[in-house]
């Protein structure tokens, strides 16, 4: 994704000081990637109750059924499942999209700080 956007942005004609759509995406690559990932994951959660990777392995998230509805009507031992609530979907998106985005930002900030300290030389 990163290489594709950067090469398209480098070859796109820039008129004056206006940024094209691709150069804007390339400039805010982390945010663009998080937004795209969030949209894809939200769509998968809404339609299939699973994240993209979970859907690939035919897994499905489900909210636990209440104790009163756990026993099926026929007296069998199967478990009843119900669809995810909005809160569960939101938490899944936060853990899948927002936390990795924040980790990347924190790591880059830390690396920049180390680089600045190394370039400024030893402090006395």
Protein backbone atom coordinates (compact mmCIF):
# COMPACT_ATOMS: atom_id res chain seq x y z
CA UNK A 1 0.00 0.00 0.00
CA UNK A 2 2.74 2.43 0.99
CA UNK A 3 4.90 1.74 -2.08
CA UNK A 4 1.90 1.93 -4.43
CA UNK A 5 0.73 5.31 -3.13
CA UNK A 6 4.24 6.79 -3.05
CA UNK A 7 5.05 5.74 -6.62
CA UNK A 8 1.68 6.97 -7.91
CA UNK A 9 2.14 10.28 -6.07
CA UNK A 10 5.67 10.69 -7.45
CA UNK A 11 4.44 10.21 -11.02
CA UNK A 12 1.29 12.33 -10.68
CA UNK A 13 1.53 15.82 -12.15
CA UNK A 14 1.45 18.58 -9.53
CA UNK A 15 -0.06 21.89 -10.64
CA UNK A 16 1.56 24.80 -8.86
CA UNK A 17 1.39 24.48 -5.09
CA UNK A 18 -1.79 22.42 -5.08
CA UNK A 19 -1.44 18.92 -3.70
CA UNK A 20 -3.07 16.17 -5.66
CA UNK A 21 -5.16 13.59 -3.89
CA UNK A 22 -2.37 11.01 -4.05
CA UNK A 23 0.28 13.32 -2.63
CA UNK A 24 -2.09 14.18 0.21
CA UNK A 25 -2.57 10.47 0.93
CA UNK A 26 1.21 9.92 0.73
CA UNK A 27 1.81 12.79 3.15
CA UNK A 28 -0.63 11.34 5.68
CA UNK A 29 0.12 7.67 5.02
CA UNK A 30 -0.48 6.40 8.57
CA UNK A 31 -3.81 8.18 8.84
CA UNK A 32 -4.87 7.03 5.35
CA UNK A 33 -3.99 3.44 6.16
CA UNK A 34 -5.84 3.55 9.49
CA UNK A 35 -8.91 5.07 7.83
CA UNK A 36 -8.95 2.48 5.05
CA UNK A 37 -8.39 -0.39 7.49
CA UNK A 38 -11.12 0.97 9.76
CA UNK A 39 -13.62 1.17 6.90
CA UNK A 40 -12.86 -2.38 5.72
CA UNK A 41 -12.98 -3.84 9.22
CA UNK A 42 -16.18 -1.95 10.13
CA UNK A 43 -17.88 -3.22 6.97
CA UNK A 44 -16.84 -6.81 7.74
CA UNK A 45 -18.01 -6.51 11.33
CA UNK A 46 -21.35 -5.07 10.27
CA UNK A 47 -22.08 -7.66 7.59
CA UNK A 48 -20.37 -10.81 8.89
CA UNK A 49 -19.75 -10.26 12.64
CA UNK A 50 -16.05 -10.92 11.99
CA UNK A 51 -12.90 -8.99 11.16
CA UNK A 52 -11.35 -9.60 7.75
CA UNK A 53 -8.78 -12.12 9.00
CA UNK A 54 -11.40 -13.92 11.07
CA UNK A 55 -13.69 -14.14 8.08
CA UNK A 56 -10.84 -15.57 6.00
CA UNK A 57 -10.63 -18.49 8.45
CA UNK A 58 -14.45 -18.78 8.61
CA UNK A 59 -14.60 -17.57 12.21
CA UNK A 60 -17.42 -15.45 13.59
CA UNK A 61 -17.64 -13.29 16.69
CA UNK A 62 -20.72 -13.63 18.81
CA UNK A 63 -21.95 -12.18 22.05
CA UNK A 64 -22.55 -14.78 24.76
CA UNK A 65 -26.18 -15.73 25.18
CA UNK A 66 -27.92 -15.08 28.49
CA UNK A 67 -28.15 -17.97 30.96
CA UNK A 68 -31.89 -18.22 30.37
CA UNK A 69 -31.40 -18.76 26.63
CA UNK A 70 -28.33 -21.02 26.78
CA UNK A 71 -30.33 -24.26 26.77
CA UNK A 72 -31.86 -24.96 23.37
CA UNK A 73 -35.57 -25.79 23.22
CA UNK A 74 -34.94 -29.44 22.28
CA UNK A 75 -32.94 -30.09 25.44
CA UNK A 76 -29.66 -30.55 23.54
CA UNK A 77 -26.29 -29.27 24.66
CA UNK A 78 -25.67 -26.82 21.79
CA UNK A 79 -24.90 -23.16 22.46
CA UNK A 80 -27.04 -20.37 21.13
CA UNK A 81 -25.22 -17.35 19.80
CA UNK A 82 -26.40 -13.86 19.07
CA UNK A 83 -25.06 -11.04 16.94
CA UNK A 84 -22.54 -8.55 18.28
CA UNK A 85 -23.73 -5.38 19.96
CA UNK A 86 -22.54 -1.96 18.83
CA UNK A 87 -20.22 -1.69 21.83
CA UNK A 88 -18.56 -5.00 20.98
CA UNK A 89 -18.01 -3.91 17.38
CA UNK A 90 -16.53 -0.60 18.55
CA UNK A 91 -14.11 -2.35 20.91
CA UNK A 92 -13.06 -4.75 18.15
CA UNK A 93 -12.32 -1.80 15.85
CA UNK A 94 -10.36 0.02 18.55
CA UNK A 95 -8.21 -3.04 19.21
CA UNK A 96 -7.73 -3.84 15.51
CA UNK A 97 -7.23 -0.34 14.06
CA UNK A 98 -6.68 2.39 16.66
CA UNK A 99 -4.14 0.67 18.90
CA UNK A 100 -1.77 -0.34 16.06
CA UNK A 101 -2.02 3.20 14.66
CA UNK A 102 -1.12 4.71 18.05
CA UNK A 103 1.75 2.24 18.47
CA UNK A 104 3.24 3.27 15.11
CA UNK A 105 2.97 6.96 16.02
CA UNK A 106 4.57 6.44 19.45
CA UNK A 107 7.39 4.32 17.97
CA UNK A 108 8.17 6.93 15.33
CA UNK A 109 8.17 9.74 17.89
CA UNK A 110 10.52 7.75 20.13
CA UNK A 111 12.85 6.97 17.20
CA UNK A 112 12.95 10.63 16.16
CA UNK A 113 13.85 11.59 19.73
CA UNK A 114 16.69 9.04 19.79
CA UNK A 115 17.96 10.30 16.45
CA UNK A 116 17.96 13.92 17.65
CA UNK A 117 19.85 12.98 20.81
CA UNK A 118 22.42 11.02 18.82
CA UNK A 119 22.93 13.92 16.39
CA UNK A 120 23.27 16.51 19.14
CA UNK A 121 26.18 14.58 20.63
CA UNK A 122 26.94 13.61 24.19
CA UNK A 123 25.60 15.96 26.81
CA UNK A 124 27.84 17.00 29.62
